[in-house]
Amino acid sequence: MAAAGLWHRVGRLPEMAPALGRWPRAYSTPPAFAEVLRLPPKQLTKVVYPLRELERHLVADADPGLIERRLFDPSLEDLARAESVFAATARNRIEYLSSAVRLDHAPSLQQPEVCFIGRSNVGKSSLIKALFSQAPDVEVRISKKPGHTKKMNFFKVGKYFTLVDMPGYGYRAPEDFVDMVEAYLKERKNLKRTFLLVDSVVGITEVDNIAIEMCEEFALPYVMILTKIDKSSKGYLFKQVLQIQKFVNTQTQGCFPQLFPVSAVTYFGIHLLKCFIADITGSLK
């Protein structure tokens, strides 16, 4: 496969992580959604719908229609319903299931599945931990060293769906990364959506382009998540979102047209992402 060959040629690349200022921190601990709803309207928009916070600035500088991609725009009521899907209770068990280095070692499951994939040190494990903030018994290991995740880690979210944390590509990727990930993406029958994480500070890198090419080659429906939006100044983030949105609009076919900017530190965008996952897995029915 062309994508696999590219993976092998690129190999493991060094990390890039420039810091360009920060957005104001909204929370230092995971906020309950009821707490979020009590925020003033402007702050609520920033936390729940971060792309709207950018749109006022972006539209003025962009070609008409470039950022008009708000296809998923749930109500606060829908967001509240999605929160219950991610909240662990006696009747809604959220738990780590198992890990696998090959597809034939993966748990055999019938419920819908979503996977998260991204460059090493893109903040994937931190994001998954933020998604599971209302399930404190679920352990998502986070390391300051890139490339900590070496296996496919499967987490069951009640009766609704399974979430898979894939190994990072690029720097310190597992030796068998290509065989592991390619087989999973091509053959996993219950995979509903692939979430491709891109560092909003760095932008789309060479290895990200290879991941995108692989998703396109395999005709996978995928979504682009922009991580670490708290690490950039607003002006820099505006430019990055413009560039990435234009890339999605003009260079991809299988990517969902709407970007999802998030921060696992401030929890900006986390509630909206939860709702999107719940929606595409049929968990809100």
C-alpha atoms as a PDB file:
ATOM      1  CA  MET A   1       0.000   0.000   0.000  1.00  0.00           C
ATOM      2  CA  ALA A   2       1.219   3.501  -0.772  1.00  0.00           C
ATOM      3  CA  ALA A   3       0.383   4.768   2.700  1.00  0.00           C
ATOM      4  CA  ALA A   4       2.293   1.972   4.386  1.00  0.00           C
ATOM      5  CA  GLY A   5       5.332   2.646   2.233  1.00  0.00           C
ATOM      6  CA  LEU A   6       5.284   6.299   3.210  1.00  0.00           C
ATOM      7  CA  TRP A   7       5.069   5.376   6.874  1.00  0.00           C
ATOM      8  CA  HIS A   8       8.195   3.250   6.556  1.00  0.00           C
ATOM      9  CA  ARG A   9      10.110   5.939   4.661  1.00  0.00           C
ATOM     10  CA  VAL A  10       9.349   8.696   7.135  1.00  0.00           C
ATOM     11  CA  GLY A  11      10.061   6.589  10.212  1.00  0.00           C
ATOM     12  CA  ARG A  12      10.268   8.444  13.496  1.00  0.00           C
ATOM     13  CA  LEU A  13      10.660  12.178  13.404  1.00  0.00           C
ATOM     14  CA  PRO A  14      11.829  14.517  16.187  1.00  0.00           C
ATOM     15  CA  GLU A  15       9.219  16.440  18.139  1.00  0.00           C
ATOM     16  CA  MET A  16       8.322  20.079  17.522  1.00  0.00           C
ATOM     17  CA  ALA A  17       6.472  21.991  20.215  1.00  0.00           C
ATOM     18  CA  PRO A  18       6.836  25.766  20.116  1.00  0.00           C
ATOM     19  CA  ALA A  19       4.823  27.691  22.687  1.00  0.00           C
ATOM     20  CA  LEU A  20       3.254  30.993  21.717  1.00  0.00           C
ATOM     21  CA  GLY A  21       1.346  32.207  24.739  1.00  0.00           C
ATOM     22  CA  ARG A  22      -1.854  30.860  26.257  1.00  0.00           C
ATOM     23  CA  TRP A  23      -5.581  31.288  26.349  1.00  0.00           C
ATOM     24  CA  PRO A  24      -6.918  32.119  29.805  1.00  0.00           C
ATOM     25  CA  ARG A  25      -7.411  28.992  31.888  1.00  0.00           C
ATOM     26  CA  ALA A  26     -11.071  28.194  32.520  1.00  0.00           C
ATOM     27  CA  TYR A  27     -10.721  25.247  34.900  1.00  0.00           C
ATOM     28  CA  SER A  28      -8.005  23.367  36.740  1.00  0.00           C
ATOM     29  CA  THR A  29     -10.322  20.440  37.533  1.00  0.00           C
ATOM     30  CA  PRO A  30     -12.945  18.760  35.319  1.00  0.00           C
ATOM     31  CA  PRO A  31     -16.127  20.887  35.373  1.00  0.00           C
ATOM     32  CA  ALA A  32     -19.545  19.281  35.766  1.00  0.00           C
ATOM     33  CA  PHE A  33     -21.783  20.371  32.922  1.00  0.00           C
ATOM     34  CA  ALA A  34     -24.250  21.929  35.350  1.00  0.00           C
ATOM     35  CA  GLU A  35     -21.403  24.176  36.473  1.00  0.00           C
ATOM     36  CA  VAL A  36     -20.628  25.115  32.872  1.00  0.00           C
ATOM     37  CA  LEU A  37     -24.256  26.084  32.272  1.00  0.00           C
ATOM     38  CA  ARG A  38     -23.992  28.681  35.045  1.00  0.00           C
ATOM     39  CA  LEU A  39     -21.204  30.537  33.269  1.00  0.00           C
ATOM     40  CA  PRO A  40     -21.885  33.959  31.696  1.00  0.00           C
ATOM     41  CA  PRO A  41     -22.879  33.555  28.018  1.00  0.00           C
ATOM     42  CA  LYS A  42     -19.549  34.707  26.573  1.00  0.00           C
ATOM     43  CA  GLN A  43     -17.530  32.370  28.805  1.00  0.00           C
ATOM     44  CA  LEU A  44     -19.946  29.495  28.156  1.00  0.00           C
ATOM     45  CA  THR A  45     -19.454  29.924  24.409  1.00  0.00           C
ATOM     46  CA  LYS A  46     -15.680  29.892  24.851  1.00  0.00           C
ATOM     47  CA  VAL A  47     -15.776  26.671  26.867  1.00  0.00           C
ATOM     48  CA  VAL A  48     -18.445  24.757  24.948  1.00  0.00           C
ATOM     49  CA  TYR A  49     -18.170  26.124  21.399  1.00  0.00           C
ATOM     50  CA  PRO A  50     -14.568  27.362  20.984  1.00  0.00           C
ATOM     51  CA  LEU A  51     -14.850  27.550  17.198  1.00  0.00           C
ATOM     52  CA  ARG A  52     -17.587  30.165  17.556  1.00  0.00           C
ATOM     53  CA  GLU A  53     -15.164  32.245  19.605  1.00  0.00           C
ATOM     54  CA  LEU A  54     -12.851  32.230  16.594  1.00  0.00           C
ATOM     55  CA  GLU A  55     -15.451  32.686  13.856  1.00  0.00           C
ATOM     56  CA  ARG A  56     -15.978  36.395  14.414  1.00  0.00           C
ATOM     57  CA  HIS A  57     -12.301  37.005  13.689  1.00  0.00           C
ATOM     58  CA  LEU A  58     -11.860  34.336  11.040  1.00  0.00           C
ATOM     59  CA  VAL A  59     -14.777  35.181   8.789  1.00  0.00           C
ATOM     60  CA  ALA A  60     -13.596  38.752   8.368  1.00  0.00           C
ATOM     61  CA  ASP A  61     -10.242  37.548   7.033  1.00  0.00           C
ATOM     62  CA  ALA A  62     -11.302  34.457   5.122  1.00  0.00           C
ATOM     63  CA  ASP A  63     -12.909  33.813   1.769  1.00  0.00           C
ATOM     64  CA  PRO A  64     -16.703  33.584   2.077  1.00  0.00           C
ATOM     65  CA  GLY A  65     -17.744  30.137   3.191  1.00  0.00           C
ATOM     66  CA  LEU A  66     -14.291  28.982   4.267  1.00  0.00           C
ATOM     67  CA  ILE A  67     -15.277  28.635   7.922  1.00  0.00           C
ATOM     68  CA  GLU A  68     -18.989  28.090   7.351  1.00  0.00           C
ATOM     69  CA  ARG A  69     -18.669  24.467   8.359  1.00  0.00           C
ATOM     70  CA  ARG A  70     -20.657  24.386  11.569  1.00  0.00           C
ATOM     71  CA  LEU A  71     -22.456  21.206  10.541  1.00  0.00           C
ATOM     72  CA  PHE A  72     -22.646  19.842  14.059  1.00  0.00           C
ATOM     73  CA  ASP A  73     -24.254  22.464  16.267  1.00  0.00           C
ATOM     74  CA  PRO A  74     -26.082  20.748  19.143  1.00  0.00           C
ATOM     75  CA  SER A  75     -28.241  22.468  21.703  1.00  0.00           C
ATOM     76  CA  LEU A  76     -27.276  22.686  25.362  1.00  0.00           C
ATOM     77  CA  GLU A  77     -29.924  20.037  26.011  1.00  0.00           C
ATOM     78  CA  ASP A  78     -28.198  17.654  23.591  1.00  0.00           C
ATOM     79  CA  LEU A  79     -24.857  18.370  25.244  1.00  0.00           C
ATOM     80  CA  ALA A  80     -26.339  17.561  28.656  1.00  0.00           C
ATOM     81  CA  ARG A  81     -27.655  14.232  27.337  1.00  0.00           C
ATOM     82  CA  ALA A  82     -24.224  13.370  25.991  1.00  0.00           C
ATOM     83  CA  GLU A  83     -22.664  14.094  29.374  1.00  0.00           C
ATOM     84  CA  SER A  84     -24.684  11.245  30.871  1.00  0.00           C
ATOM     85  CA  VAL A  85     -23.161   8.850  28.325  1.00  0.00           C
ATOM     86  CA  PHE A  86     -19.663   9.703  29.601  1.00  0.00           C
ATOM     87  CA  ALA A  87     -20.624   9.712  33.308  1.00  0.00           C
ATOM     88  CA  ALA A  88     -19.812   6.469  35.112  1.00  0.00           C
ATOM     89  CA  THR A  89     -22.627   5.086  37.274  1.00  0.00           C
ATOM     90  CA  ALA A  90     -23.646   1.685  38.569  1.00  0.00           C
ATOM     91  CA  ARG A  91     -25.771   1.235  35.443  1.00  0.00           C
ATOM     92  CA  ASN A  92     -23.312   2.869  33.032  1.00  0.00           C
ATOM     93  CA  ARG A  93     -19.961   1.220  33.555  1.00  0.00           C
ATOM     94  CA  ILE A  94     -17.012   2.874  31.890  1.00  0.00           C
ATOM     95  CA  GLU A  95     -13.923   0.722  32.041  1.00  0.00           C
ATOM     96  CA  TYR A  96     -10.647  -0.286  30.474  1.00  0.00           C
ATOM     97  CA  LEU A  97     -11.136  -3.562  28.614  1.00  0.00           C
ATOM     98  CA  SER A  98      -7.784  -4.706  27.247  1.00  0.00           C
ATOM     99  CA  SER A  99      -4.786  -3.851  25.111  1.00  0.00           C
ATOM    100  CA  ALA A 100      -3.637  -5.419  21.861  1.00  0.00           C
ATOM    101  CA  VAL A 101      -0.635  -5.280  19.544  1.00  0.00           C
ATOM    102  CA  ARG A 102      -2.448  -7.037  16.692  1.00  0.00           C
ATOM    103  CA  LEU A 103      -5.997  -6.925  15.414  1.00  0.00           C
ATOM    104  CA  ASP A 104      -6.545 -10.621  16.142  1.00  0.00           C
ATOM    105  CA  HIS A 105      -5.707  -9.873  19.796  1.00  0.00           C
ATOM    106  CA  ALA A 106      -8.331  -7.120  20.013  1.00  0.00           C
ATOM    107  CA  PRO A 107     -11.551  -7.803  21.928  1.00  0.00           C
ATOM    108  CA  SER A 108     -14.408  -9.028  19.750  1.00  0.00           C
ATOM    109  CA  LEU A 109     -17.193  -6.494  20.222  1.00  0.00           C
ATOM    110  CA  GLN A 110     -20.452  -5.682  18.472  1.00  0.00           C
ATOM    111  CA  GLN A 111     -21.005  -2.147  19.739  1.00  0.00           C
ATOM    112  CA  PRO A 112     -19.835   0.845  17.683  1.00  0.00           C
ATOM    113  CA  GLU A 113     -16.193   1.826  18.003  1.00  0.00           C
ATOM    114  CA  VAL A 114     -14.237   5.058  17.604  1.00  0.00           C
ATOM    115  CA  CYS A 115     -10.458   5.375  17.577  1.00  0.00           C
ATOM    116  CA  PHE A 116      -8.075   8.235  18.346  1.00  0.00           C
ATOM    117  CA  ILE A 117      -4.824   8.500  16.437  1.00  0.00           C
ATOM    118  CA  GLY A 118      -2.171  11.191  16.239  1.00  0.00           C
ATOM    119  CA  ARG A 119       1.479  12.117  16.267  1.00  0.00           C
ATOM    120  CA  SER A 120       3.480  11.291  19.394  1.00  0.00           C
ATOM    121  CA  ASN A 121       3.083  14.063  21.982  1.00  0.00           C
ATOM    122  CA  VAL A 122      -0.016  15.512  20.295  1.00  0.00           C
ATOM    123  CA  GLY A 123      -1.938  15.208  23.567  1.00  0.00           C
ATOM    124  CA  LYS A 124      -3.995  12.133  22.698  1.00  0.00           C
ATOM    125  CA  SER A 125      -3.928  10.415  26.085  1.00  0.00           C
ATOM    126  CA  SER A 126      -4.571  13.731  27.850  1.00  0.00           C
ATOM    127  CA  LEU A 127      -7.623  14.304  25.656  1.00  0.00           C
ATOM    128  CA  ILE A 128      -9.000  10.831  26.343  1.00  0.00           C
ATOM    129  CA  LYS A 129      -8.489  11.389  30.059  1.00  0.00           C
ATOM    130  CA  ALA A 130     -10.455  14.638  29.776  1.00  0.00           C
ATOM    131  CA  LEU A 131     -13.269  12.802  27.971  1.00  0.00           C
ATOM    132  CA  PHE A 132     -13.371  10.316  30.858  1.00  0.00           C
ATOM    133  CA  SER A 133     -13.215  12.995  33.569  1.00  0.00           C
ATOM    134  CA  GLN A 134     -16.609  11.880  34.913  1.00  0.00           C
ATOM    135  CA  ALA A 135     -15.343   8.294  35.192  1.00  0.00           C
ATOM    136  CA  PRO A 136     -12.611   8.644  37.844  1.00  0.00           C
ATOM    137  CA  ASP A 137     -11.952   4.901  38.117  1.00  0.00           C
ATOM    138  CA  VAL A 138     -10.781   4.730  34.501  1.00  0.00           C
ATOM    139  CA  GLU A 139      -7.005   5.010  34.353  1.00  0.00           C
ATOM    140  CA  VAL A 140      -5.594   6.638  31.234  1.00  0.00           C
ATOM    141  CA  ARG A 141      -1.829   6.736  31.562  1.00  0.00           C
ATOM    142  CA  ILE A 142      -0.154   9.996  30.587  1.00  0.00           C
ATOM    143  CA  SER A 143       3.581  10.473  30.246  1.00  0.00           C
ATOM    144  CA  LYS A 144       5.713  13.537  29.643  1.00  0.00           C
ATOM    145  CA  LYS A 145       7.794  11.413  27.290  1.00  0.00           C
ATOM    146  CA  PRO A 146       6.442  11.159  23.719  1.00  0.00           C
ATOM    147  CA  GLY A 147       5.514   7.718  22.437  1.00  0.00           C
ATOM    148  CA  HIS A 148       4.276   6.329  25.761  1.00  0.00           C
ATOM    149  CA  THR A 149       1.340   4.428  24.218  1.00  0.00           C
ATOM    150  CA  LYS A 150       2.688   1.270  22.564  1.00  0.00           C
ATOM    151  CA  LYS A 151      -0.499  -0.777  22.148  1.00  0.00           C
ATOM    152  CA  MET A 152      -4.108  -0.327  21.106  1.00  0.00           C
ATOM    153  CA  ASN A 153      -5.995   0.335  24.343  1.00  0.00           C
ATOM    154  CA  PHE A 154      -9.724  -0.434  24.412  1.00  0.00           C
ATOM    155  CA  PHE A 155     -12.174   1.335  26.744  1.00  0.00           C
ATOM    156  CA  LYS A 156     -15.830   0.356  27.010  1.00  0.00           C
ATOM    157  CA  VAL A 157     -18.320   3.191  27.502  1.00  0.00           C
ATOM    158  CA  GLY A 158     -21.370   1.517  29.009  1.00  0.00           C
ATOM    159  CA  LYS A 159     -23.688  -0.154  26.524  1.00  0.00           C
ATOM    160  CA  TYR A 160     -22.968   2.564  23.986  1.00  0.00           C
ATOM    161  CA  PHE A 161     -19.569   2.237  22.305  1.00  0.00           C
ATOM    162  CA  THR A 162     -15.866   1.403  22.628  1.00  0.00           C
ATOM    163  CA  LEU A 163     -13.113   4.016  22.469  1.00  0.00           C
ATOM    164  CA  VAL A 164      -9.659   2.955  21.247  1.00  0.00           C
ATOM    165  CA  ASP A 165      -6.466   4.811  22.104  1.00  0.00           C
ATOM    166  CA  MET A 166      -4.025   4.058  19.287  1.00  0.00           C
ATOM    167  CA  PRO A 167      -0.211   4.329  19.547  1.00  0.00           C
ATOM    168  CA  GLY A 168       1.244   7.618  18.400  1.00  0.00           C
ATOM    169  CA  TYR A 169       3.079   7.839  15.092  1.00  0.00           C
ATOM    170  CA  GLY A 170       6.332   9.625  14.388  1.00  0.00           C
ATOM    171  CA  TYR A 171       8.840   9.963  17.235  1.00  0.00           C
ATOM    172  CA  ARG A 172       9.253   6.766  19.309  1.00  0.00           C
ATOM    173  CA  ALA A 173       6.454   4.973  17.498  1.00  0.00           C
ATOM    174  CA  PRO A 174       6.289   1.195  18.079  1.00  0.00           C
ATOM    175  CA  GLU A 175       8.352  -0.871  15.637  1.00  0.00           C
ATOM    176  CA  ASP A 176       5.211  -2.673  14.433  1.00  0.00           C
ATOM    177  CA  PHE A 177       3.109   0.501  14.228  1.00  0.00           C
ATOM    178  CA  VAL A 178       2.292   0.169  10.521  1.00  0.00           C
ATOM    179  CA  ASP A 179       1.168  -3.449  10.685  1.00  0.00           C
ATOM    180  CA  MET A 180      -0.834  -2.833  13.862  1.00  0.00           C
ATOM    181  CA  VAL A 181      -2.646   0.322  12.848  1.00  0.00           C
ATOM    182  CA  GLU A 182      -3.159  -0.376   9.150  1.00  0.00           C
ATOM    183  CA  ALA A 183      -4.789  -3.739   9.843  1.00  0.00           C
ATOM    184  CA  TYR A 184      -7.070  -2.201  12.463  1.00  0.00           C
ATOM    185  CA  LEU A 185      -8.180   0.720  10.287  1.00  0.00           C
ATOM    186  CA  LYS A 186      -8.788  -1.444   7.212  1.00  0.00           C
ATOM    187  CA  GLU A 187     -10.466  -4.439   8.821  1.00  0.00           C
ATOM    188  CA  ARG A 188     -12.243  -3.365  12.019  1.00  0.00           C
ATOM    189  CA  LYS A 189     -15.876  -3.821  10.993  1.00  0.00           C
ATOM    190  CA  ASN A 190     -17.490  -1.860  13.827  1.00  0.00           C
ATOM    191  CA  LEU A 191     -15.204   1.193  13.489  1.00  0.00           C
ATOM    192  CA  LYS A 192     -17.552   4.156  13.012  1.00  0.00           C
ATOM    193  CA  ARG A 193     -15.136   7.097  13.000  1.00  0.00           C
ATOM    194  CA  THR A 194     -11.423   7.796  13.239  1.00  0.00           C
ATOM    195  CA  PHE A 195     -10.408  10.924  15.143  1.00  0.00           C
ATOM    196  CA  LEU A 196      -7.130  12.339  13.829  1.00  0.00           C
ATOM    197  CA  LEU A 197      -5.438  14.693  16.288  1.00  0.00           C
ATOM    198  CA  VAL A 198      -3.358  17.612  15.033  1.00  0.00           C
ATOM    199  CA  ASP A 199      -1.330  19.892  17.300  1.00  0.00           C
ATOM    200  CA  SER A 200      -2.799  23.370  16.776  1.00  0.00           C
ATOM    201  CA  VAL A 201       0.545  24.939  17.688  1.00  0.00           C
ATOM    202  CA  VAL A 202       2.557  22.976  15.112  1.00  0.00           C
ATOM    203  CA  GLY A 203      -0.098  22.508  12.423  1.00  0.00           C
ATOM    204  CA  ILE A 204      -0.249  19.642   9.951  1.00  0.00           C
ATOM    205  CA  THR A 205       3.172  17.990   9.826  1.00  0.00           C
ATOM    206  CA  GLU A 206       4.725  15.615   7.312  1.00  0.00           C
ATOM    207  CA  VAL A 207       3.704  12.564   9.318  1.00  0.00           C
ATOM    208  CA  ASP A 208       0.195  13.988   9.771  1.00  0.00           C
ATOM    209  CA  ASN A 209      -0.054  14.220   5.987  1.00  0.00           C
ATOM    210  CA  ILE A 210       0.828  10.540   5.768  1.00  0.00           C
ATOM    211  CA  ALA A 211      -1.879   9.670   8.299  1.00  0.00           C
ATOM    212  CA  ILE A 212      -4.360  11.756   6.310  1.00  0.00           C
ATOM    213  CA  GLU A 213      -3.317   9.998   3.105  1.00  0.00           C
ATOM    214  CA  MET A 214      -3.855   6.632   4.764  1.00  0.00           C
ATOM    215  CA  CYS A 215      -7.371   7.594   5.902  1.00  0.00           C
ATOM    216  CA  GLU A 216      -8.154   8.840   2.402  1.00  0.00           C
ATOM    217  CA  GLU A 217      -6.707   5.737   0.725  1.00  0.00           C
ATOM    218  CA  PHE A 218      -8.744   3.419   2.939  1.00  0.00           C
ATOM    219  CA  ALA A 219     -11.881   5.571   2.437  1.00  0.00           C
ATOM    220  CA  LEU A 220     -12.241   6.030   6.181  1.00  0.00           C
ATOM    221  CA  PRO A 221     -14.621   8.651   7.575  1.00  0.00           C
ATOM    222  CA  TYR A 222     -12.455  10.722   9.896  1.00  0.00           C
ATOM    223  CA  VAL A 223     -12.557  13.909  11.948  1.00  0.00           C
ATOM    224  CA  MET A 224      -9.747  16.355  12.616  1.00  0.00           C
ATOM    225  CA  ILE A 225      -9.287  17.487  16.226  1.00  0.00           C
ATOM    226  CA  LEU A 226      -7.019  20.447  16.946  1.00  0.00           C
ATOM    227  CA  THR A 227      -5.356  19.927  20.317  1.00  0.00           C
ATOM    228  CA  LYS A 228      -3.582  22.271  22.738  1.00  0.00           C
ATOM    229  CA  ILE A 229      -5.535  25.387  21.765  1.00  0.00           C
ATOM    230  CA  ASP A 230      -4.625  26.869  25.167  1.00  0.00           C
ATOM    231  CA  LYS A 231      -0.944  26.895  24.147  1.00  0.00           C
ATOM    232  CA  SER A 232      -1.230  29.511  21.392  1.00  0.00           C
ATOM    233  CA  SER A 233      -2.070  33.168  21.284  1.00  0.00           C
ATOM    234  CA  LYS A 234      -5.471  33.801  19.734  1.00  0.00           C
ATOM    235  CA  GLY A 235      -3.922  35.476  16.698  1.00  0.00           C
ATOM    236  CA  TYR A 236      -1.679  32.514  15.981  1.00  0.00           C
ATOM    237  CA  LEU A 237      -4.545  30.076  16.521  1.00  0.00           C
ATOM    238  CA  PHE A 238      -6.712  32.038  14.052  1.00  0.00           C
ATOM    239  CA  LYS A 239      -4.083  31.594  11.348  1.00  0.00           C
ATOM    240  CA  GLN A 240      -3.673  27.901  12.089  1.00  0.00           C
ATOM    241  CA  VAL A 241      -7.404  27.230  11.972  1.00  0.00           C
ATOM    242  CA  LEU A 242      -7.679  29.080   8.654  1.00  0.00           C
ATOM    243  CA  GLN A 243      -4.859  27.072   7.104  1.00  0.00           C
ATOM    244  CA  ILE A 244      -6.107  23.717   8.391  1.00  0.00           C
ATOM    245  CA  GLN A 245      -9.721  24.426   7.441  1.00  0.00           C
ATOM    246  CA  LYS A 246      -8.656  25.375   3.920  1.00  0.00           C
ATOM    247  CA  PHE A 247      -6.654  22.147   3.711  1.00  0.00           C
ATOM    248  CA  VAL A 248      -9.676  20.099   4.811  1.00  0.00           C
ATOM    249  CA  ASN A 249     -11.956  21.885   2.346  1.00  0.00           C
ATOM    250  CA  THR A 250      -9.676  21.494  -0.656  1.00  0.00           C
ATOM    251  CA  GLN A 251      -7.412  18.481  -0.058  1.00  0.00           C
ATOM    252  CA  THR A 252      -9.620  15.859   1.619  1.00  0.00           C
ATOM    253  CA  GLN A 253     -12.691  13.838   0.770  1.00  0.00           C
ATOM    254  CA  GLY A 254     -13.272  11.652   3.806  1.00  0.00           C
ATOM    255  CA  CYS A 255     -12.644  14.270   6.500  1.00  0.00           C
ATOM    256  CA  PHE A 256     -15.669  15.744   8.263  1.00  0.00           C
ATOM    257  CA  PRO A 257     -15.690  19.424   7.177  1.00  0.00           C
ATOM    258  CA  GLN A 258     -15.950  20.812  10.703  1.00  0.00           C
ATOM    259  CA  LEU A 259     -12.837  21.112  12.864  1.00  0.00           C
ATOM    260  CA  PHE A 260     -12.989  20.400  16.596  1.00  0.00           C
ATOM    261  CA  PRO A 261     -10.551  22.626  18.558  1.00  0.00           C
ATOM    262  CA  VAL A 262     -10.008  21.358  22.108  1.00  0.00           C
ATOM    263  CA  SER A 263      -7.874  21.776  25.198  1.00  0.00           C
ATOM    264  CA  ALA A 264      -7.425  19.000  27.732  1.00  0.00           C
ATOM    265  CA  VAL A 265      -6.130  21.661  30.160  1.00  0.00           C
ATOM    266  CA  THR A 266      -8.927  24.246  30.066  1.00  0.00           C
ATOM    267  CA  TYR A 267     -11.567  21.717  28.870  1.00  0.00           C
ATOM    268  CA  PHE A 268     -12.495  24.027  25.995  1.00  0.00           C
ATOM    269  CA  GLY A 269     -14.369  22.015  23.353  1.00  0.00           C
ATOM    270  CA  ILE A 270     -14.499  18.801  25.395  1.00  0.00           C
ATOM    271  CA  HIS A 271     -18.275  18.873  25.925  1.00  0.00           C
ATOM    272  CA  LEU A 272     -18.932  19.433  22.215  1.00  0.00           C
ATOM    273  CA  LEU A 273     -16.611  16.569  21.287  1.00  0.00           C
ATOM    274  CA  LYS A 274     -18.366  14.265  23.745  1.00  0.00           C
ATOM    275  CA  CYS A 275     -21.696  15.116  22.121  1.00  0.00           C
ATOM    276  CA  PHE A 276     -20.353  14.471  18.634  1.00  0.00           C
ATOM    277  CA  ILE A 277     -19.006  11.059  19.660  1.00  0.00           C
ATOM    278  CA  ALA A 278     -22.292  10.174  21.361  1.00  0.00           C
ATOM    279  CA  ASP A 279     -24.208  11.247  18.268  1.00  0.00           C
ATOM    280  CA  ILE A 280     -22.211   9.304  15.661  1.00  0.00           C
ATOM    281  CA  THR A 281     -22.284   6.130  17.790  1.00  0.00           C
ATOM    282  CA  GLY A 282     -26.058   6.319  18.206  1.00  0.00           C
ATOM    283  CA  SER A 283     -25.757   6.840  21.939  1.00  0.00           C
ATOM    284  CA  LEU A 284     -28.290   9.692  22.032  1.00  0.00           C
ATOM    285  CA  LYS A 285     -31.197   7.653  20.645  1.00  0.00           C
END
